[in-house]
């Protein structure tokens, strides 16, 4: 990726910077198991390549990646046969996703709990339905690297009581980056050592004391190995965003997550800083290693 490429490559009419090219190369290299479309979605999310309506420029990004491959700038995975481009995941309502038997009381009555990785289409459909029905953000197709789990109890009977999703980290968050001690170059090189807890749902008929913080503790032990197995990256930090208008983040704090500040509220769509402070979120982090900050500041 020399100076000539940096000066001449353009995406949707906009010059692509050397930093952006470097990030593209790193994501492609570090996630060889992602499809071309998943890579395009991930890069659009990280780089803010969106349409005015907020949808990602996935098709254009994939074409751009394939043009980079033709120029021998990157090496993409082989194309896969899958759903047609532009197809959407429709969330179907079923009886299985309706309210279940109320569960209340002390956590000890329901332990041990398990986190079960979603692997089948049947599980994916039910996971999507639960999240779409009962999570305030609803279901959105995750872009790129992600893992999903059911939270399940074995007693007094086997039942799914919640859902978790972990996905690629936010490209830039000032409170997180300041806590780590990142400059732009180091963040670009080390970003994929972070995993984002992008969905956490305890089903509304489940009211068990200390359940949520217990689940987060289980996830902190389980997710790193799963993430490394699926994506070849060994994460050292978990992150999440909490809407302070809705939640205090009590379960995260009880599970020893650290509050490091508040976002500007812009979101990825606000490239012109027009919505600064509109919907700020609390940033919470969970170091998976004692030396997480040091590891995230090491050069690649």
Protein backbone atom coordinates (compact mmCIF):
# COMPACT_ATOMS: atom_id res chain seq x y z
CA UNK A 1 0.00 0.00 0.00
CA UNK A 2 2.33 2.68 -1.22
CA UNK A 3 2.00 6.42 -1.58
CA UNK A 4 0.59 6.13 -5.10
CA UNK A 5 -2.26 3.90 -3.91
CA UNK A 6 -2.97 6.23 -1.01
CA UNK A 7 -3.18 9.22 -3.34
CA UNK A 8 -5.34 7.64 -6.06
CA UNK A 9 -7.69 5.10 -4.45
CA UNK A 10 -11.22 6.38 -3.92
CA UNK A 11 -14.36 4.94 -2.36
CA UNK A 12 -17.67 6.39 -3.57
CA UNK A 13 -15.82 9.48 -4.77
CA UNK A 14 -13.92 10.06 -1.53
CA UNK A 15 -10.17 9.57 -1.25
CA UNK A 16 -9.18 6.60 0.89
CA UNK A 17 -6.46 7.50 3.39
CA UNK A 18 -3.40 5.47 4.25
CA UNK A 19 -4.83 4.78 7.71
CA UNK A 20 -8.06 3.46 6.17
CA UNK A 21 -6.13 1.22 3.77
CA UNK A 22 -4.03 -0.08 6.62
CA UNK A 23 -7.15 -0.90 8.66
CA UNK A 24 -8.69 -2.69 5.66
CA UNK A 25 -5.57 -4.81 5.28
CA UNK A 26 -5.48 -5.68 8.97
CA UNK A 27 -9.16 -6.69 9.16
CA UNK A 28 -8.88 -8.87 6.04
CA UNK A 29 -5.73 -10.53 7.37
CA UNK A 30 -6.94 -11.04 10.94
CA UNK A 31 -10.38 -12.44 10.08
CA UNK A 32 -9.79 -15.04 7.35
CA UNK A 33 -12.97 -16.94 8.29
CA UNK A 34 -15.31 -14.07 7.42
CA UNK A 35 -17.03 -14.04 4.05
CA UNK A 36 -16.46 -11.15 1.64
CA UNK A 37 -19.82 -9.66 2.57
CA UNK A 38 -19.08 -9.97 6.29
CA UNK A 39 -15.73 -8.25 5.73
CA UNK A 40 -17.46 -5.47 3.80
CA UNK A 41 -20.05 -5.02 6.57
CA UNK A 42 -17.36 -4.94 9.25
CA UNK A 43 -15.29 -2.33 7.40
CA UNK A 44 -18.33 -0.16 6.64
CA UNK A 45 -19.21 -0.25 10.35
CA UNK A 46 -15.67 0.60 11.44
CA UNK A 47 -15.09 3.33 8.85
CA UNK A 48 -18.58 4.84 8.91
CA UNK A 49 -19.23 4.11 5.22
CA UNK A 50 -23.00 4.66 5.29
CA UNK A 51 -25.79 6.00 3.14
CA UNK A 52 -27.80 9.08 4.23
CA UNK A 53 -30.46 6.72 5.65
CA UNK A 54 -27.88 5.03 7.88
CA UNK A 55 -27.61 1.77 5.91
CA UNK A 56 -24.12 0.50 5.18
CA UNK A 57 -22.55 0.69 1.73
CA UNK A 58 -21.95 -3.04 1.73
CA UNK A 59 -22.21 -3.67 -2.01
CA UNK A 60 -19.90 -0.77 -2.89
CA UNK A 61 -17.43 -1.82 -0.19
CA UNK A 62 -17.33 -5.40 -1.42
CA UNK A 63 -16.69 -4.16 -4.96
CA UNK A 64 -13.95 -1.90 -3.61
CA UNK A 65 -12.34 -4.82 -1.75
CA UNK A 66 -12.43 -6.93 -4.90
CA UNK A 67 -10.77 -4.11 -6.84
CA UNK A 68 -8.03 -3.98 -4.19
CA UNK A 69 -7.55 -7.70 -4.63
CA UNK A 70 -7.23 -7.27 -8.41
CA UNK A 71 -4.44 -4.76 -7.71
CA UNK A 72 -2.78 -7.30 -5.34
CA UNK A 73 -3.23 -4.93 -2.40
CA UNK A 74 -5.14 -7.53 -0.33
CA UNK A 75 -6.04 -11.21 -0.60
CA UNK A 76 -9.74 -11.95 -0.01
CA UNK A 77 -11.33 -15.27 0.99
CA UNK A 78 -12.96 -17.27 -1.79
CA UNK A 79 -16.51 -16.23 -2.67
CA UNK A 80 -19.27 -18.21 -0.97
CA UNK A 81 -22.65 -19.23 -2.30
CA UNK A 82 -25.26 -17.61 -0.08
CA UNK A 83 -28.35 -15.45 -0.01
CA UNK A 84 -28.75 -12.88 -2.81
CA UNK A 85 -27.30 -9.46 -2.13
CA UNK A 86 -29.79 -7.11 -0.56
CA UNK A 87 -31.86 -9.88 1.04
CA UNK A 88 -33.09 -9.16 4.56
CA UNK A 89 -33.48 -11.32 7.63
CA UNK A 90 -37.16 -11.41 8.55
CA UNK A 91 -37.95 -12.03 12.22
CA UNK A 92 -40.86 -14.47 12.45
CA UNK A 93 -43.18 -14.48 15.47
CA UNK A 94 -43.82 -17.96 16.87
CA UNK A 95 -45.46 -19.53 19.91
CA UNK A 96 -42.00 -20.51 21.13
CA UNK A 97 -41.08 -16.85 21.49
CA UNK A 98 -44.10 -15.95 23.60
CA UNK A 99 -43.93 -15.24 27.34
CA UNK A 100 -42.86 -18.16 29.48
CA UNK A 101 -43.44 -19.30 33.02
CA UNK A 102 -42.47 -16.61 35.57
CA UNK A 103 -39.19 -17.30 37.36
CA UNK A 104 -38.43 -15.38 40.54
CA UNK A 105 -36.39 -15.59 43.70
CA UNK A 106 -32.81 -16.31 44.62
CA UNK A 107 -30.09 -17.15 42.12
CA UNK A 108 -29.08 -20.30 43.99
CA UNK A 109 -32.39 -21.92 43.06
CA UNK A 110 -31.44 -21.80 39.37
CA UNK A 111 -27.71 -22.49 39.29
CA UNK A 112 -25.69 -23.76 37.59
CA UNK A 113 -26.43 -21.66 34.50
CA UNK A 114 -24.95 -22.25 31.07
CA UNK A 115 -24.06 -20.03 28.12
CA UNK A 116 -24.79 -21.99 24.96
CA UNK A 117 -23.27 -20.77 21.72
CA UNK A 118 -25.81 -20.39 18.92
CA UNK A 119 -24.89 -22.75 16.09
CA UNK A 120 -28.04 -23.93 14.29
CA UNK A 121 -30.57 -22.07 12.15
CA UNK A 122 -33.34 -23.03 14.57
CA UNK A 123 -31.40 -21.49 17.46
CA UNK A 124 -30.62 -18.37 15.42
CA UNK A 125 -34.29 -17.91 14.58
CA UNK A 126 -35.37 -18.14 18.21
CA UNK A 127 -32.52 -15.86 19.35
CA UNK A 128 -33.57 -13.24 16.80
CA UNK A 129 -37.20 -13.52 17.87
CA UNK A 130 -36.44 -13.09 21.56
CA UNK A 131 -34.23 -10.06 20.94
CA UNK A 132 -36.65 -8.51 18.46
CA UNK A 133 -39.59 -8.98 20.83
CA UNK A 134 -38.04 -8.07 24.17
CA UNK A 135 -34.87 -5.98 23.73
CA UNK A 136 -35.52 -2.25 23.51
CA UNK A 137 -33.19 -1.94 20.49
CA UNK A 138 -34.79 -4.88 18.72
CA UNK A 139 -32.93 -7.17 16.35
CA UNK A 140 -30.42 -5.78 13.90
CA UNK A 141 -28.21 -7.86 11.65
CA UNK A 142 -24.73 -7.86 13.22
CA UNK A 143 -21.93 -6.88 10.88
CA UNK A 144 -18.86 -9.04 10.63
CA UNK A 145 -17.42 -10.87 13.61
CA UNK A 146 -20.00 -11.82 16.23
CA UNK A 147 -21.00 -14.59 18.63
CA UNK A 148 -24.44 -15.18 20.10
CA UNK A 149 -25.49 -17.17 23.16
CA UNK A 150 -28.56 -18.42 24.94
CA UNK A 151 -28.55 -18.14 28.72
CA UNK A 152 -30.03 -21.43 29.92
CA UNK A 153 -31.03 -22.98 33.25
CA UNK A 154 -31.27 -26.70 33.99
CA UNK A 155 -33.50 -26.53 37.05
CA UNK A 156 -36.25 -26.61 38.11
CA UNK A 157 -36.55 -27.41 34.36
CA UNK A 158 -34.54 -26.68 31.22
CA UNK A 159 -35.35 -23.23 29.87
CA UNK A 160 -33.82 -20.33 27.96
CA UNK A 161 -33.90 -17.24 30.16
CA UNK A 162 -31.90 -14.72 28.13
CA UNK A 163 -29.69 -13.83 25.18
CA UNK A 164 -26.17 -12.40 24.70
CA UNK A 165 -24.33 -11.05 21.68
CA UNK A 166 -20.68 -10.09 21.36
CA UNK A 167 -19.40 -8.36 18.24
CA UNK A 168 -16.68 -6.17 16.72
CA UNK A 169 -15.66 -3.11 18.77
CA UNK A 170 -16.48 0.51 18.09
CA UNK A 171 -13.89 2.13 15.82
CA UNK A 172 -13.45 5.18 18.02
CA UNK A 173 -14.72 5.98 21.53
CA UNK A 174 -12.93 8.79 23.31
CA UNK A 175 -13.50 7.58 26.90
CA UNK A 176 -12.27 4.07 26.07
CA UNK A 177 -9.34 5.28 24.02
CA UNK A 178 -8.32 7.72 26.75
CA UNK A 179 -8.50 5.00 29.44
CA UNK A 180 -6.31 2.71 27.35
CA UNK A 181 -3.89 5.48 26.40
CA UNK A 182 -4.31 5.09 22.64
CA UNK A 183 -3.25 7.39 19.88
CA UNK A 184 -4.78 6.87 16.42
CA UNK A 185 -1.97 4.66 15.15
CA UNK A 186 -1.98 2.33 18.15
CA UNK A 187 -5.77 2.07 18.12
CA UNK A 188 -5.67 1.10 14.46
CA UNK A 189 -3.17 -1.68 15.19
CA UNK A 190 -4.75 -3.07 18.36
CA UNK A 191 -8.48 -2.47 17.99
CA UNK A 192 -9.36 -6.08 17.25
CA UNK A 193 -8.20 -7.16 20.71
CA UNK A 194 -11.47 -5.66 22.03
CA UNK A 195 -14.91 -7.30 21.88
CA UNK A 196 -18.19 -5.43 22.26
CA UNK A 197 -21.12 -6.75 24.31
CA UNK A 198 -23.73 -5.45 21.86
CA UNK A 199 -26.83 -7.22 23.20
CA UNK A 200 -27.74 -8.43 26.70
CA UNK A 201 -31.29 -9.56 27.38
CA UNK A 202 -32.83 -11.22 30.41
CA UNK A 203 -36.32 -12.27 29.33
CA UNK A 204 -38.97 -10.10 31.01
CA UNK A 205 -40.69 -12.95 32.89
CA UNK A 206 -37.39 -13.77 34.66
CA UNK A 207 -36.83 -11.83 37.88
CA UNK A 208 -33.99 -13.52 39.70
CA UNK A 209 -31.78 -11.50 42.05
CA UNK A 210 -28.13 -11.11 40.96
CA UNK A 211 -28.75 -13.10 37.78
CA UNK A 212 -27.48 -10.48 35.32
CA UNK A 213 -24.14 -9.88 37.05
CA UNK A 214 -23.64 -13.64 37.38
CA UNK A 215 -24.20 -14.06 33.63
CA UNK A 216 -21.68 -11.33 32.87
CA UNK A 217 -19.11 -13.09 35.02
CA UNK A 218 -19.74 -16.34 33.13
CA UNK A 219 -19.41 -14.51 29.81
CA UNK A 220 -16.07 -12.97 30.79
CA UNK A 221 -14.72 -16.48 31.29
CA UNK A 222 -16.34 -18.06 28.24
CA UNK A 223 -16.22 -15.52 25.42
CA UNK A 224 -12.43 -15.01 25.03
CA UNK A 225 -11.79 -18.67 24.17
CA UNK A 226 -14.77 -18.81 21.80
CA UNK A 227 -13.70 -15.60 20.08
CA UNK A 228 -10.16 -16.88 19.59
CA UNK A 229 -11.46 -20.21 18.28
CA UNK A 230 -13.75 -18.55 15.73
CA UNK A 231 -11.74 -15.49 14.71
CA UNK A 232 -8.12 -16.14 15.67
CA UNK A 233 -7.92 -13.11 17.97
CA UNK A 234 -7.19 -13.26 21.69
CA UNK A 235 -9.25 -10.42 23.23
CA UNK A 236 -8.00 -8.61 26.31
CA UNK A 237 -10.87 -6.15 26.89
CA UNK A 238 -14.67 -6.19 26.75
CA UNK A 239 -16.69 -3.01 26.15
CA UNK A 240 -20.34 -2.03 26.21
CA UNK A 241 -22.55 1.04 25.99
CA UNK A 242 -25.42 1.68 28.40
CA UNK A 243 -28.21 4.18 27.77
CA UNK A 244 -28.37 6.15 31.07
CA UNK A 245 -31.94 7.25 30.31
CA UNK A 246 -33.02 3.61 30.59
CA UNK A 247 -30.47 1.81 32.75
CA UNK A 248 -28.00 2.52 35.54
CA UNK A 249 -25.68 -0.30 34.48
CA UNK A 250 -25.93 -1.82 37.95
CA UNK A 251 -25.33 -5.41 36.81
CA UNK A 252 -22.16 -4.40 34.95
CA UNK A 253 -20.80 -2.57 37.96
CA UNK A 254 -21.64 -5.55 40.19
CA UNK A 255 -19.64 -7.73 37.79
CA UNK A 256 -16.64 -5.37 38.15
CA UNK A 257 -16.96 -3.54 34.85
CA UNK A 258 -15.40 -0.07 34.96
CA UNK A 259 -17.17 3.12 33.95
CA UNK A 260 -14.74 5.28 31.97
CA UNK A 261 -16.90 8.09 30.67
CA UNK A 262 -19.69 9.07 28.31
CA UNK A 263 -19.85 9.14 24.53
CA UNK A 264 -20.56 12.35 22.63
CA UNK A 265 -23.85 10.89 21.47
CA UNK A 266 -23.06 11.37 17.78
CA UNK A 267 -23.13 7.76 16.68
CA UNK A 268 -21.50 6.54 13.48
CA UNK A 269 -23.97 8.34 11.20
CA UNK A 270 -23.14 11.86 12.40
CA UNK A 271 -20.03 12.52 10.31
CA UNK A 272 -20.55 16.31 10.47
CA UNK A 273 -20.91 16.54 14.27
CA UNK A 274 -24.45 17.85 13.94
CA UNK A 275 -25.87 15.72 16.76
CA UNK A 276 -23.14 16.18 19.33
CA UNK A 277 -24.48 15.21 22.75
CA UNK A 278 -27.88 14.08 21.42
CA UNK A 279 -27.86 10.53 22.79
CA UNK A 280 -24.80 10.05 25.02
CA UNK A 281 -24.10 6.56 26.33
CA UNK A 282 -22.16 5.40 29.38
CA UNK A 283 -19.00 3.50 28.39
CA UNK A 284 -18.17 0.46 30.53
CA UNK A 285 -15.10 -1.76 30.17
CA UNK A 286 -14.02 -5.11 31.54
CA UNK A 287 -10.29 -5.94 31.36
CA UNK A 288 -9.81 -9.65 30.71
CA UNK A 289 -6.19 -9.40 31.87
CA UNK A 290 -4.57 -7.32 34.56
CA UNK A 291 -2.19 -5.90 31.99
CA UNK A 292 -4.91 -5.22 29.40
CA UNK A 293 -3.92 -1.60 28.91
CA UNK A 294 -0.27 -2.47 28.45
CA UNK A 295 -1.12 -5.18 25.91
CA UNK A 296 -3.40 -2.82 23.98
CA UNK A 297 -0.64 -0.25 23.76
CA UNK A 298 2.01 -2.64 22.42
CA UNK A 299 2.92 -2.24 18.80
CA UNK A 300 1.77 -5.05 16.48
